[in-house]
Amino acid sequence: MFDTNITPPNISKKNEEKITTFIDLALEFNKTHNIFVRKNAKEVFEKDIVDCLPLTSEILDKESVLDLGSGGGFPGILIGILKPNNKVCLVESSSKKCYFLKKTAHELSLKNVFIINSTISKNNNIGKYDIITARAFANTEKIINITKNNTKPSTKYLLLKGTIKKLKEELEVLNTKQLTYEIIKLDNKKAERHLVKINQNE
């Protein structure tokens, strides 16, 4: 099911199989628990896997990752599959979705993936991370504000966003004395998508 024009060549056969199993598990669970709106494996691959793949290439080996509002596991589970040497913590407020995420991590033997069933707040104590990711979770300002306890000077944000117009509106309110950002337009044939990388100024 992988399109070689889309899938990076460094994805091993074993990881391709894990991603395929991940999609199958999501679709099966979705039949009774409605974790996302997708009809088949091709749609999940095109709308979710392809959307999240560019983000994974921005994460270095052994960097710790905090994924906010992981939902059906995008990008958190995908990062866990492709980055086995990285500790990946998935925060999700829905118990139903957490059950699915834990089940998936177990079935795929993702020893590096940890699920936190919680609503993240400013006063959280879930530790500091090298990378903070989010997709369809909250606006950029809110993400920055509620993760102040989770950053160190070198922490980088990798956020998957939609249209450039809306993204620029979100970024206008950021304090550019404290933060610098880069917008990357993603080659997504299904929708206008962007990856924004945010670094803290030292």
N, C-alpha and C. Protein backbone atom coordinates (compact mmCIF):
# COMPACT_ATOMS: atom_id res chain seq x y z
N MET A 1 0.81 -1.22 0.00
CA MET A 1 0.00 0.00 0.00
C MET A 1 0.84 1.26 0.00
N PHE A 2 2.16 1.13 0.19
CA PHE A 2 3.01 2.30 0.23
C PHE A 2 3.32 2.81 -1.17
N ASP A 3 3.19 4.10 -1.33
CA ASP A 3 3.53 4.76 -2.58
C ASP A 3 5.00 5.17 -2.48
N THR A 4 5.85 4.59 -3.32
CA THR A 4 7.28 4.87 -3.22
C THR A 4 7.63 6.31 -3.56
N ASN A 5 6.71 7.02 -4.21
CA ASN A 5 6.95 8.44 -4.49
C ASN A 5 6.72 9.30 -3.26
N ILE A 6 6.05 8.72 -2.25
CA ILE A 6 5.73 9.47 -1.03
C ILE A 6 6.57 9.00 0.14
N THR A 7 6.69 7.68 0.27
CA THR A 7 7.36 7.13 1.43
C THR A 7 8.87 7.30 1.33
N PRO A 8 9.51 7.89 2.34
CA PRO A 8 10.97 8.03 2.32
C PRO A 8 11.64 6.67 2.18
N PRO A 9 12.72 6.60 1.41
CA PRO A 9 13.37 5.31 1.15
C PRO A 9 14.00 4.67 2.38
N ASN A 10 14.20 5.46 3.45
CA ASN A 10 14.86 4.91 4.63
C ASN A 10 13.89 4.17 5.57
N ILE A 11 12.62 4.05 5.20
CA ILE A 11 11.69 3.27 6.01
C ILE A 11 11.88 1.79 5.69
N SER A 12 12.23 1.03 6.71
CA SER A 12 12.51 -0.38 6.52
C SER A 12 11.24 -1.17 6.26
N LYS A 13 11.41 -2.37 5.74
CA LYS A 13 10.27 -3.25 5.48
C LYS A 13 9.54 -3.55 6.79
N LYS A 14 10.29 -3.74 7.85
CA LYS A 14 9.69 -4.02 9.16
C LYS A 14 8.81 -2.86 9.62
N ASN A 15 9.30 -1.64 9.42
CA ASN A 15 8.51 -0.47 9.83
C ASN A 15 7.31 -0.25 8.92
N GLU A 16 7.46 -0.57 7.63
CA GLU A 16 6.31 -0.52 6.73
C GLU A 16 5.21 -1.44 7.24
N GLU A 17 5.62 -2.63 7.67
CA GLU A 17 4.65 -3.61 8.18
C GLU A 17 3.99 -3.10 9.45
N LYS A 18 4.78 -2.45 10.32
CA LYS A 18 4.22 -1.91 11.56
C LYS A 18 3.22 -0.79 11.27
N ILE A 19 3.55 0.06 10.30
CA ILE A 19 2.64 1.14 9.94
C ILE A 19 1.34 0.58 9.37
N THR A 20 1.47 -0.45 8.54
CA THR A 20 0.28 -1.10 7.97
C THR A 20 -0.58 -1.70 9.08
N THR A 21 0.06 -2.36 10.04
CA THR A 21 -0.67 -2.94 11.18
C THR A 21 -1.34 -1.84 12.00
N PHE A 22 -0.62 -0.74 12.21
CA PHE A 22 -1.17 0.41 12.93
C PHE A 22 -2.45 0.92 12.26
N ILE A 23 -2.41 1.05 10.95
CA ILE A 23 -3.59 1.50 10.21
C ILE A 23 -4.74 0.51 10.37
N ASP A 24 -4.43 -0.77 10.26
CA ASP A 24 -5.46 -1.81 10.40
C ASP A 24 -6.09 -1.78 11.79
N LEU A 25 -5.26 -1.62 12.81
CA LEU A 25 -5.76 -1.55 14.19
C LEU A 25 -6.67 -0.33 14.38
N ALA A 26 -6.27 0.79 13.82
CA ALA A 26 -7.05 2.02 13.93
C ALA A 26 -8.42 1.87 13.27
N LEU A 27 -8.43 1.29 12.09
CA LEU A 27 -9.69 1.11 11.37
C LEU A 27 -10.61 0.12 12.08
N GLU A 28 -10.03 -0.94 12.63
CA GLU A 28 -10.82 -1.94 13.36
C GLU A 28 -11.43 -1.32 14.63
N PHE A 29 -10.62 -0.59 15.38
CA PHE A 29 -11.10 0.05 16.60
C PHE A 29 -12.15 1.11 16.28
N ASN A 30 -11.96 1.77 15.15
CA ASN A 30 -12.85 2.85 14.74
C ASN A 30 -14.27 2.36 14.45
N LYS A 31 -14.40 1.10 14.09
CA LYS A 31 -15.72 0.54 13.78
C LYS A 31 -16.68 0.66 14.95
N THR A 32 -16.16 0.55 16.16
CA THR A 32 -17.01 0.59 17.35
C THR A 32 -16.78 1.79 18.26
N HIS A 33 -15.66 2.49 18.05
CA HIS A 33 -15.34 3.58 18.99
C HIS A 33 -15.17 4.95 18.36
N ASN A 34 -15.22 5.04 17.05
CA ASN A 34 -15.23 6.33 16.36
C ASN A 34 -14.11 7.28 16.80
N ILE A 35 -12.87 6.85 16.56
CA ILE A 35 -11.73 7.70 16.94
C ILE A 35 -11.36 8.70 15.85
N PHE A 36 -11.76 8.44 14.61
CA PHE A 36 -11.54 9.40 13.54
C PHE A 36 -12.50 9.11 12.38
N VAL A 37 -12.54 10.03 11.41
CA VAL A 37 -13.46 9.87 10.27
C VAL A 37 -12.65 9.42 9.06
N ARG A 38 -12.52 8.13 8.89
CA ARG A 38 -11.80 7.56 7.76
C ARG A 38 -12.55 6.32 7.27
N LYS A 39 -12.53 6.10 5.94
CA LYS A 39 -13.29 4.99 5.36
C LYS A 39 -12.46 3.72 5.18
N ASN A 40 -11.18 3.90 4.82
CA ASN A 40 -10.37 2.73 4.50
C ASN A 40 -8.88 3.02 4.71
N ALA A 41 -8.06 1.98 4.52
CA ALA A 41 -6.62 2.11 4.76
C ALA A 41 -5.96 3.13 3.85
N LYS A 42 -6.39 3.21 2.60
CA LYS A 42 -5.82 4.17 1.65
C LYS A 42 -6.04 5.60 2.13
N GLU A 43 -7.23 5.86 2.67
CA GLU A 43 -7.54 7.20 3.16
C GLU A 43 -6.70 7.55 4.39
N VAL A 44 -6.52 6.58 5.30
CA VAL A 44 -5.68 6.82 6.48
C VAL A 44 -4.24 7.10 6.04
N PHE A 45 -3.76 6.32 5.09
CA PHE A 45 -2.39 6.51 4.62
C PHE A 45 -2.22 7.89 4.01
N GLU A 46 -3.15 8.28 3.14
CA GLU A 46 -3.02 9.55 2.42
C GLU A 46 -3.25 10.76 3.30
N LYS A 47 -4.20 10.66 4.24
CA LYS A 47 -4.56 11.83 5.05
C LYS A 47 -3.83 11.93 6.37
N ASP A 48 -3.33 10.80 6.87
CA ASP A 48 -2.70 10.81 8.19
C ASP A 48 -1.21 10.46 8.15
N ILE A 49 -0.88 9.33 7.56
CA ILE A 49 0.53 8.92 7.50
C ILE A 49 1.35 9.92 6.68
N VAL A 50 0.89 10.21 5.47
CA VAL A 50 1.62 11.14 4.59
C VAL A 50 1.73 12.53 5.24
N ASP A 51 0.68 12.94 5.95
CA ASP A 51 0.67 14.24 6.61
C ASP A 51 1.75 14.32 7.69
N CYS A 52 1.95 13.22 8.41
CA CYS A 52 2.86 13.23 9.57
C CYS A 52 4.30 12.86 9.24
N LEU A 53 4.54 12.20 8.12
CA LEU A 53 5.89 11.74 7.79
C LEU A 53 6.95 12.85 7.77
N PRO A 54 6.68 14.02 7.19
CA PRO A 54 7.71 15.07 7.16
C PRO A 54 8.17 15.48 8.56
N LEU A 55 7.28 15.44 9.51
CA LEU A 55 7.61 15.81 10.87
C LEU A 55 8.64 14.85 11.46
N THR A 56 8.49 13.56 11.17
CA THR A 56 9.40 12.56 11.76
C THR A 56 10.84 12.76 11.31
N SER A 57 11.03 13.30 10.12
CA SER A 57 12.40 13.49 9.62
C SER A 57 13.11 14.65 10.30
N GLU A 58 12.37 15.46 11.07
CA GLU A 58 12.96 16.60 11.78
C GLU A 58 13.43 16.22 13.20
N ILE A 59 13.18 14.97 13.58
CA ILE A 59 13.51 14.52 14.94
C ILE A 59 14.80 13.71 14.91
N LEU A 60 15.78 14.13 15.70
CA LEU A 60 17.06 13.43 15.74
C LEU A 60 16.98 12.20 16.63
N ASP A 61 17.90 11.28 16.40
CA ASP A 61 17.95 10.05 17.19
C ASP A 61 18.14 10.37 18.68
N LYS A 62 17.36 9.70 19.50
CA LYS A 62 17.42 9.78 20.97
C LYS A 62 16.81 11.05 21.56
N GLU A 63 16.29 11.96 20.73
CA GLU A 63 15.59 13.12 21.28
C GLU A 63 14.26 12.67 21.89
N SER A 64 13.95 13.16 23.07
CA SER A 64 12.68 12.82 23.72
C SER A 64 11.56 13.67 23.11
N VAL A 65 10.38 13.05 22.98
CA VAL A 65 9.27 13.69 22.29
C VAL A 65 8.01 13.68 23.17
N LEU A 66 7.34 14.83 23.21
CA LEU A 66 6.03 14.94 23.86
C LEU A 66 5.01 15.28 22.78
N ASP A 67 4.05 14.39 22.57
CA ASP A 67 3.01 14.60 21.56
C ASP A 67 1.71 14.97 22.25
N LEU A 68 1.19 16.14 21.93
CA LEU A 68 -0.01 16.66 22.60
C LEU A 68 -1.29 16.27 21.88
N GLY A 69 -2.29 15.82 22.64
CA GLY A 69 -3.58 15.47 22.05
C GLY A 69 -3.43 14.42 20.97
N SER A 70 -2.83 13.30 21.31
CA SER A 70 -2.44 12.29 20.31
C SER A 70 -3.60 11.66 19.55
N GLY A 71 -4.79 11.66 20.14
CA GLY A 71 -5.97 11.14 19.43
C GLY A 71 -5.80 9.72 18.96
N GLY A 72 -5.85 9.52 17.63
CA GLY A 72 -5.69 8.18 17.06
C GLY A 72 -4.24 7.77 16.87
N GLY A 73 -3.31 8.58 17.37
CA GLY A 73 -1.89 8.21 17.30
C GLY A 73 -1.08 8.93 16.24
N PHE A 74 -1.62 10.03 15.72
CA PHE A 74 -0.91 10.81 14.70
C PHE A 74 -0.52 12.17 15.27
N PRO A 75 0.75 12.48 15.37
CA PRO A 75 1.89 11.71 14.87
C PRO A 75 2.55 10.77 15.89
N GLY A 76 2.09 10.74 17.14
CA GLY A 76 2.79 10.04 18.21
C GLY A 76 3.19 8.60 17.94
N ILE A 77 2.24 7.76 17.54
CA ILE A 77 2.55 6.35 17.28
C ILE A 77 3.50 6.22 16.09
N LEU A 78 3.28 7.03 15.07
CA LEU A 78 4.16 6.98 13.89
C LEU A 78 5.59 7.33 14.28
N ILE A 79 5.77 8.33 15.13
CA ILE A 79 7.11 8.68 15.62
C ILE A 79 7.69 7.50 16.39
N GLY A 80 6.87 6.89 17.23
CA GLY A 80 7.33 5.73 18.00
C GLY A 80 7.82 4.59 17.13
N ILE A 81 7.15 4.37 16.01
CA ILE A 81 7.55 3.31 15.07
C ILE A 81 8.86 3.66 14.38
N LEU A 82 8.95 4.87 13.87
CA LEU A 82 10.10 5.26 13.04
C LEU A 82 11.31 5.70 13.84
N LYS A 83 11.10 6.01 15.12
CA LYS A 83 12.20 6.46 15.98
C LYS A 83 12.29 5.56 17.23
N PRO A 84 12.72 4.31 17.06
CA PRO A 84 12.73 3.37 18.19
C PRO A 84 13.68 3.73 19.32
N ASN A 85 14.66 4.59 19.06
CA ASN A 85 15.61 5.00 20.10
C ASN A 85 15.17 6.25 20.85
N ASN A 86 14.00 6.77 20.48
CA ASN A 86 13.50 8.00 21.11
C ASN A 86 12.37 7.68 22.09
N LYS A 87 12.42 8.29 23.25
CA LYS A 87 11.31 8.18 24.19
C LYS A 87 10.18 9.08 23.69
N VAL A 88 9.00 8.50 23.48
CA VAL A 88 7.87 9.26 22.93
C VAL A 88 6.69 9.16 23.90
N CYS A 89 6.30 10.30 24.46
CA CYS A 89 5.17 10.34 25.40
C CYS A 89 3.96 10.95 24.70
N LEU A 90 2.85 10.23 24.73
CA LEU A 90 1.62 10.67 24.09
C LEU A 90 0.63 11.12 25.16
N VAL A 91 0.21 12.37 25.11
CA VAL A 91 -0.76 12.89 26.07
C VAL A 91 -2.12 12.97 25.40
N GLU A 92 -3.11 12.33 26.01
CA GLU A 92 -4.46 12.30 25.45
C GLU A 92 -5.47 12.30 26.60
N SER A 93 -6.46 13.19 26.51
CA SER A 93 -7.45 13.32 27.59
C SER A 93 -8.55 12.27 27.53
N SER A 94 -8.80 11.70 26.36
CA SER A 94 -9.86 10.72 26.18
C SER A 94 -9.41 9.33 26.63
N SER A 95 -10.12 8.75 27.59
CA SER A 95 -9.78 7.40 28.07
C SER A 95 -9.93 6.37 26.96
N LYS A 96 -10.93 6.56 26.14
CA LYS A 96 -11.19 5.64 25.02
C LYS A 96 -10.00 5.63 24.05
N LYS A 97 -9.53 6.82 23.71
CA LYS A 97 -8.41 6.91 22.78
C LYS A 97 -7.12 6.41 23.43
N CYS A 98 -6.97 6.65 24.73
CA CYS A 98 -5.79 6.14 25.44
C CYS A 98 -5.76 4.62 25.45
N TYR A 99 -6.93 4.01 25.60
CA TYR A 99 -7.01 2.55 25.55
C TYR A 99 -6.51 2.06 24.20
N PHE A 100 -6.95 2.71 23.14
CA PHE A 100 -6.50 2.34 21.79
C PHE A 100 -4.99 2.54 21.64
N LEU A 101 -4.47 3.67 22.12
CA LEU A 101 -3.05 3.96 21.99
C LEU A 101 -2.20 2.94 22.75
N LYS A 102 -2.64 2.56 23.96
CA LYS A 102 -1.92 1.57 24.75
C LYS A 102 -1.96 0.20 24.07
N LYS A 103 -3.12 -0.15 23.55
CA LYS A 103 -3.30 -1.42 22.85
C LYS A 103 -2.39 -1.48 21.62
N THR A 104 -2.34 -0.39 20.88
CA THR A 104 -1.53 -0.32 19.67
C THR A 104 -0.03 -0.40 20.00
N ALA A 105 0.39 0.35 21.01
CA ALA A 105 1.80 0.33 21.41
C ALA A 105 2.21 -1.08 21.85
N HIS A 106 1.30 -1.77 22.54
CA HIS A 106 1.57 -3.14 22.99
C HIS A 106 1.66 -4.09 21.80
N GLU A 107 0.69 -4.01 20.88
CA GLU A 107 0.65 -4.92 19.74
C GLU A 107 1.84 -4.72 18.80
N LEU A 108 2.34 -3.50 18.73
CA LEU A 108 3.47 -3.20 17.86
C LEU A 108 4.82 -3.30 18.58
N SER A 109 4.76 -3.67 19.88
CA SER A 109 5.97 -3.80 20.71
C SER A 109 6.78 -2.51 20.74
N LEU A 110 6.08 -1.41 20.92
CA LEU A 110 6.76 -0.10 20.97
C LEU A 110 7.13 0.20 22.43
N LYS A 111 8.28 -0.31 22.83
CA LYS A 111 8.75 -0.15 24.22
C LYS A 111 9.12 1.30 24.54
N ASN A 112 9.30 2.10 23.50
CA ASN A 112 9.71 3.50 23.67
C ASN A 112 8.53 4.46 23.78
N VAL A 113 7.31 3.94 23.68
CA VAL A 113 6.10 4.79 23.68
C VAL A 113 5.38 4.69 25.02
N PHE A 114 5.03 5.85 25.57
CA PHE A 114 4.34 5.92 26.87
C PHE A 114 3.09 6.77 26.72
N ILE A 115 1.98 6.27 27.26
CA ILE A 115 0.70 6.96 27.13
C ILE A 115 0.32 7.62 28.45
N ILE A 116 -0.03 8.90 28.37
CA ILE A 116 -0.45 9.65 29.56
C ILE A 116 -1.90 10.09 29.36
N ASN A 117 -2.79 9.53 30.15
CA ASN A 117 -4.22 9.87 30.07
C ASN A 117 -4.48 11.09 30.94
N SER A 118 -4.42 12.26 30.32
CA SER A 118 -4.52 13.50 31.09
C SER A 118 -4.83 14.67 30.17
N THR A 119 -5.43 15.70 30.75
CA THR A 119 -5.58 16.98 30.06
C THR A 119 -4.39 17.83 30.45
N ILE A 120 -3.57 18.19 29.50
CA ILE A 120 -2.35 18.93 29.83
C ILE A 120 -2.68 20.36 30.24
N SER A 121 -2.03 20.82 31.30
CA SER A 121 -2.25 22.18 31.80
C SER A 121 -0.90 22.83 32.09
N LYS A 122 -0.93 24.13 32.36
CA LYS A 122 0.30 24.88 32.64
C LYS A 122 1.09 24.28 33.79
N ASN A 123 0.38 23.75 34.79
CA ASN A 123 1.04 23.26 35.99
C ASN A 123 1.37 21.77 35.95
N ASN A 124 1.40 21.21 34.76
CA ASN A 124 1.67 19.77 34.66
C ASN A 124 3.09 19.43 35.14
N ASN A 125 3.27 18.18 35.53
CA ASN A 125 4.59 17.73 35.99
C ASN A 125 5.06 16.50 35.23
N ILE A 126 4.83 16.51 33.91
CA ILE A 126 5.16 15.32 33.11
C ILE A 126 6.56 15.40 32.49
N GLY A 127 7.36 16.34 32.97
CA GLY A 127 8.76 16.36 32.56
C GLY A 127 9.09 17.28 31.39
N LYS A 128 10.38 17.36 31.11
CA LYS A 128 10.88 18.22 30.04
C LYS A 128 11.31 17.37 28.84
N TYR A 129 11.14 17.92 27.66
CA TYR A 129 11.36 17.15 26.42
C TYR A 129 12.17 17.96 25.42
N ASP A 130 12.82 17.23 24.52
CA ASP A 130 13.61 17.88 23.46
C ASP A 130 12.70 18.40 22.35
N ILE A 131 11.62 17.65 22.08
CA ILE A 131 10.71 17.98 21.00
C ILE A 131 9.27 17.95 21.53
N ILE A 132 8.48 18.94 21.12
CA ILE A 132 7.04 18.93 21.44
C ILE A 132 6.29 18.98 20.12
N THR A 133 5.41 18.00 19.90
CA THR A 133 4.66 17.93 18.65
C THR A 133 3.16 18.03 18.91
N ALA A 134 2.43 18.43 17.88
CA ALA A 134 0.96 18.48 17.97
C ALA A 134 0.39 18.56 16.57
N ARG A 135 -0.79 17.98 16.43
CA ARG A 135 -1.52 18.02 15.16
C ARG A 135 -3.00 18.15 15.48
N ALA A 136 -3.63 19.20 14.98
CA ALA A 136 -5.06 19.43 15.23
C ALA A 136 -5.39 19.41 16.71
N PHE A 137 -4.53 20.07 17.51
CA PHE A 137 -4.72 20.06 18.96
C PHE A 137 -5.20 21.40 19.49
N ALA A 138 -4.45 22.45 19.21
CA ALA A 138 -4.80 23.79 19.72
C ALA A 138 -4.01 24.81 18.91
N ASN A 139 -4.33 26.10 19.10
CA ASN A 139 -3.55 27.10 18.37
C ASN A 139 -2.14 27.21 18.96
N THR A 140 -1.26 27.79 18.20
CA THR A 140 0.16 27.81 18.57
C THR A 140 0.41 28.50 19.90
N GLU A 141 -0.24 29.63 20.13
CA GLU A 141 -0.04 30.37 21.38
C GLU A 141 -0.42 29.51 22.58
N LYS A 142 -1.54 28.81 22.50
CA LYS A 142 -1.97 27.96 23.61
C LYS A 142 -0.97 26.83 23.85
N ILE A 143 -0.48 26.24 22.78
CA ILE A 143 0.50 25.15 22.91
C ILE A 143 1.74 25.65 23.65
N ILE A 144 2.23 26.82 23.26
CA ILE A 144 3.42 27.39 23.92
C ILE A 144 3.14 27.63 25.40
N ASN A 145 1.97 28.20 25.70
CA ASN A 145 1.64 28.56 27.08
C ASN A 145 1.48 27.36 28.01
N ILE A 146 0.85 26.30 27.51
CA ILE A 146 0.58 25.16 28.41
C ILE A 146 1.76 24.20 28.52
N THR A 147 2.83 24.46 27.77
CA THR A 147 3.98 23.56 27.85
C THR A 147 5.22 24.23 28.43
N LYS A 148 5.03 25.33 29.14
CA LYS A 148 6.18 26.03 29.72
C LYS A 148 6.95 25.13 30.70
N ASN A 149 6.23 24.23 31.39
CA ASN A 149 6.88 23.30 32.32
C ASN A 149 7.63 22.18 31.61
N ASN A 150 7.44 22.08 30.32
CA ASN A 150 7.97 20.91 29.59
C ASN A 150 9.13 21.26 28.67
N THR A 151 9.61 22.51 28.74
CA THR A 151 10.69 22.93 27.85
C THR A 151 11.99 23.16 28.60
N LYS A 152 13.07 22.99 27.87
CA LYS A 152 14.40 23.42 28.30
C LYS A 152 14.89 24.37 27.21
N PRO A 153 16.02 25.03 27.38
CA PRO A 153 16.44 26.03 26.37
C PRO A 153 16.53 25.49 24.94
N SER A 154 16.83 24.20 24.81
CA SER A 154 17.02 23.63 23.47
C SER A 154 15.74 23.00 22.89
N THR A 155 14.64 23.03 23.63
CA THR A 155 13.41 22.38 23.16
C THR A 155 12.90 23.03 21.88
N LYS A 156 12.46 22.17 20.96
CA LYS A 156 11.94 22.62 19.67
C LYS A 156 10.50 22.14 19.51
N TYR A 157 9.65 23.00 18.96
CA TYR A 157 8.26 22.63 18.65
C TYR A 157 8.16 22.26 17.18
N LEU A 158 7.46 21.17 16.90
CA LEU A 158 7.16 20.76 15.53
C LEU A 158 5.65 20.59 15.43
N LEU A 159 5.00 21.56 14.79
CA LEU A 159 3.54 21.59 14.79
C LEU A 159 3.00 21.47 13.37
N LEU A 160 2.10 20.52 13.18
CA LEU A 160 1.45 20.35 11.88
C LEU A 160 0.23 21.25 11.79
N LYS A 161 0.20 22.10 10.76
CA LYS A 161 -0.86 23.10 10.63
C LYS A 161 -1.45 23.09 9.21
N GLY A 162 -2.56 23.82 9.08
CA GLY A 162 -3.28 23.87 7.80
C GLY A 162 -2.87 25.03 6.92
N THR A 163 -3.81 25.92 6.62
CA THR A 163 -3.57 26.98 5.64
C THR A 163 -2.56 28.01 6.13
N ILE A 164 -1.83 28.57 5.20
CA ILE A 164 -0.82 29.58 5.54
C ILE A 164 -1.48 30.82 6.14
N LYS A 165 -2.67 31.16 5.67
CA LYS A 165 -3.37 32.34 6.18
C LYS A 165 -3.66 32.19 7.67
N LYS A 166 -4.22 31.06 8.06
CA LYS A 166 -4.54 30.84 9.47
C LYS A 166 -3.27 30.70 10.30
N LEU A 167 -2.27 30.04 9.75
CA LEU A 167 -1.02 29.84 10.47
C LEU A 167 -0.34 31.17 10.77
N LYS A 168 -0.30 32.06 9.77
CA LYS A 168 0.33 33.37 9.98
C LYS A 168 -0.41 34.19 11.04
N GLU A 169 -1.73 34.05 11.07
CA GLU A 169 -2.52 34.74 12.11
C GLU A 169 -2.13 34.23 13.49
N GLU A 170 -1.93 32.92 13.60
CA GLU A 170 -1.51 32.33 14.89
C GLU A 170 -0.13 32.81 15.31
N LEU A 171 0.78 32.90 14.35
CA LEU A 171 2.16 33.23 14.67
C LEU A 171 2.37 34.72 14.96
N GLU A 172 1.45 35.55 14.49
CA GLU A 172 1.55 37.01 14.71
C GLU A 172 1.61 37.37 16.19
N VAL A 173 0.96 36.58 17.05
CA VAL A 173 0.89 36.93 18.47
C VAL A 173 2.09 36.40 19.27
N LEU A 174 2.97 35.64 18.62
CA LEU A 174 4.11 35.09 19.36
C LEU A 174 5.13 36.19 19.65
N ASN A 175 5.81 36.05 20.76
CA ASN A 175 6.86 36.97 21.14
C ASN A 175 8.14 36.58 20.40
N THR A 176 8.47 37.31 19.34
CA THR A 176 9.61 36.94 18.50
C THR A 176 10.96 37.27 19.15
N LYS A 177 10.92 37.93 20.30
CA LYS A 177 12.16 38.12 21.07
C LYS A 177 12.52 36.84 21.80
N GLN A 178 11.49 36.04 22.12
CA GLN A 178 11.71 34.78 22.83
C GLN A 178 11.71 33.56 21.92
N LEU A 179 11.02 33.69 20.77
CA LEU A 179 10.86 32.54 19.89
C LEU A 179 11.17 32.89 18.44
N THR A 180 11.76 31.95 17.73
CA THR A 180 11.94 32.10 16.29
C THR A 180 11.23 30.93 15.61
N TYR A 181 10.71 31.17 14.42
CA TYR A 181 9.99 30.09 13.76
C TYR A 181 10.32 30.01 12.28
N GLU A 182 10.08 28.82 11.74
CA GLU A 182 10.26 28.57 10.31
C GLU A 182 9.03 27.81 9.82
N ILE A 183 8.48 28.25 8.70
CA ILE A 183 7.30 27.59 8.12
C ILE A 183 7.74 26.79 6.90
N ILE A 184 7.37 25.51 6.88
CA ILE A 184 7.69 24.64 5.75
C ILE A 184 6.39 24.21 5.08
N LYS A 185 6.25 24.53 3.81
CA LYS A 185 5.07 24.09 3.06
C LYS A 185 5.23 22.62 2.71
N LEU A 186 4.25 21.81 3.08
CA LEU A 186 4.33 20.38 2.82
C LEU A 186 3.74 20.03 1.46
N ASP A 187 4.34 19.06 0.82
CA ASP A 187 3.87 18.62 -0.49
C ASP A 187 2.73 17.62 -0.29
N ASN A 188 1.56 18.16 0.01
CA ASN A 188 0.39 17.34 0.30
C ASN A 188 -0.68 17.61 -0.77
N LYS A 189 -1.00 16.58 -1.53
CA LYS A 189 -1.93 16.75 -2.64
C LYS A 189 -3.39 16.81 -2.19
N LYS A 190 -3.65 16.44 -0.93
CA LYS A 190 -5.02 16.38 -0.44
C LYS A 190 -5.50 17.68 0.20
N ALA A 191 -4.56 18.46 0.75
CA ALA A 191 -4.94 19.69 1.46
C ALA A 191 -3.73 20.60 1.60
N GLU A 192 -3.99 21.87 1.91
CA GLU A 192 -2.90 22.81 2.16
C GLU A 192 -2.38 22.56 3.57
N ARG A 193 -1.14 22.13 3.66
CA ARG A 193 -0.57 21.75 4.95
C ARG A 193 0.81 22.38 5.13
N HIS A 194 1.12 22.71 6.38
CA HIS A 194 2.41 23.30 6.70
C HIS A 194 2.95 22.71 8.00
N LEU A 195 4.24 22.67 8.09
CA LEU A 195 4.94 22.30 9.32
C LEU A 195 5.62 23.56 9.83
N VAL A 196 5.34 23.91 11.08
CA VAL A 196 6.02 25.07 11.66
C VAL A 196 7.00 24.57 12.73
N LYS A 197 8.25 25.03 12.59
CA LYS A 197 9.29 24.69 13.56
C LYS A 197 9.54 25.93 14.41
N ILE A 198 9.44 25.77 15.71
CA ILE A 198 9.63 26.90 16.63
C ILE A 198 10.76 26.59 17.59
N ASN A 199 11.71 27.51 17.67
CA ASN A 199 12.82 27.40 18.60
C ASN A 199 12.79 28.54 19.60
N GLN A 200 13.36 28.28 20.77
CA GLN A 200 13.46 29.34 21.78
C GLN A 200 14.79 30.07 21.60
N ASN A 201 14.74 31.38 21.69
CA ASN A 201 15.95 32.18 21.62
C ASN A 201 16.70 32.06 22.94
N GLU A 202 17.98 31.85 22.86
CA GLU A 202 18.78 31.69 24.08
C GLU A 202 19.05 33.06 24.71
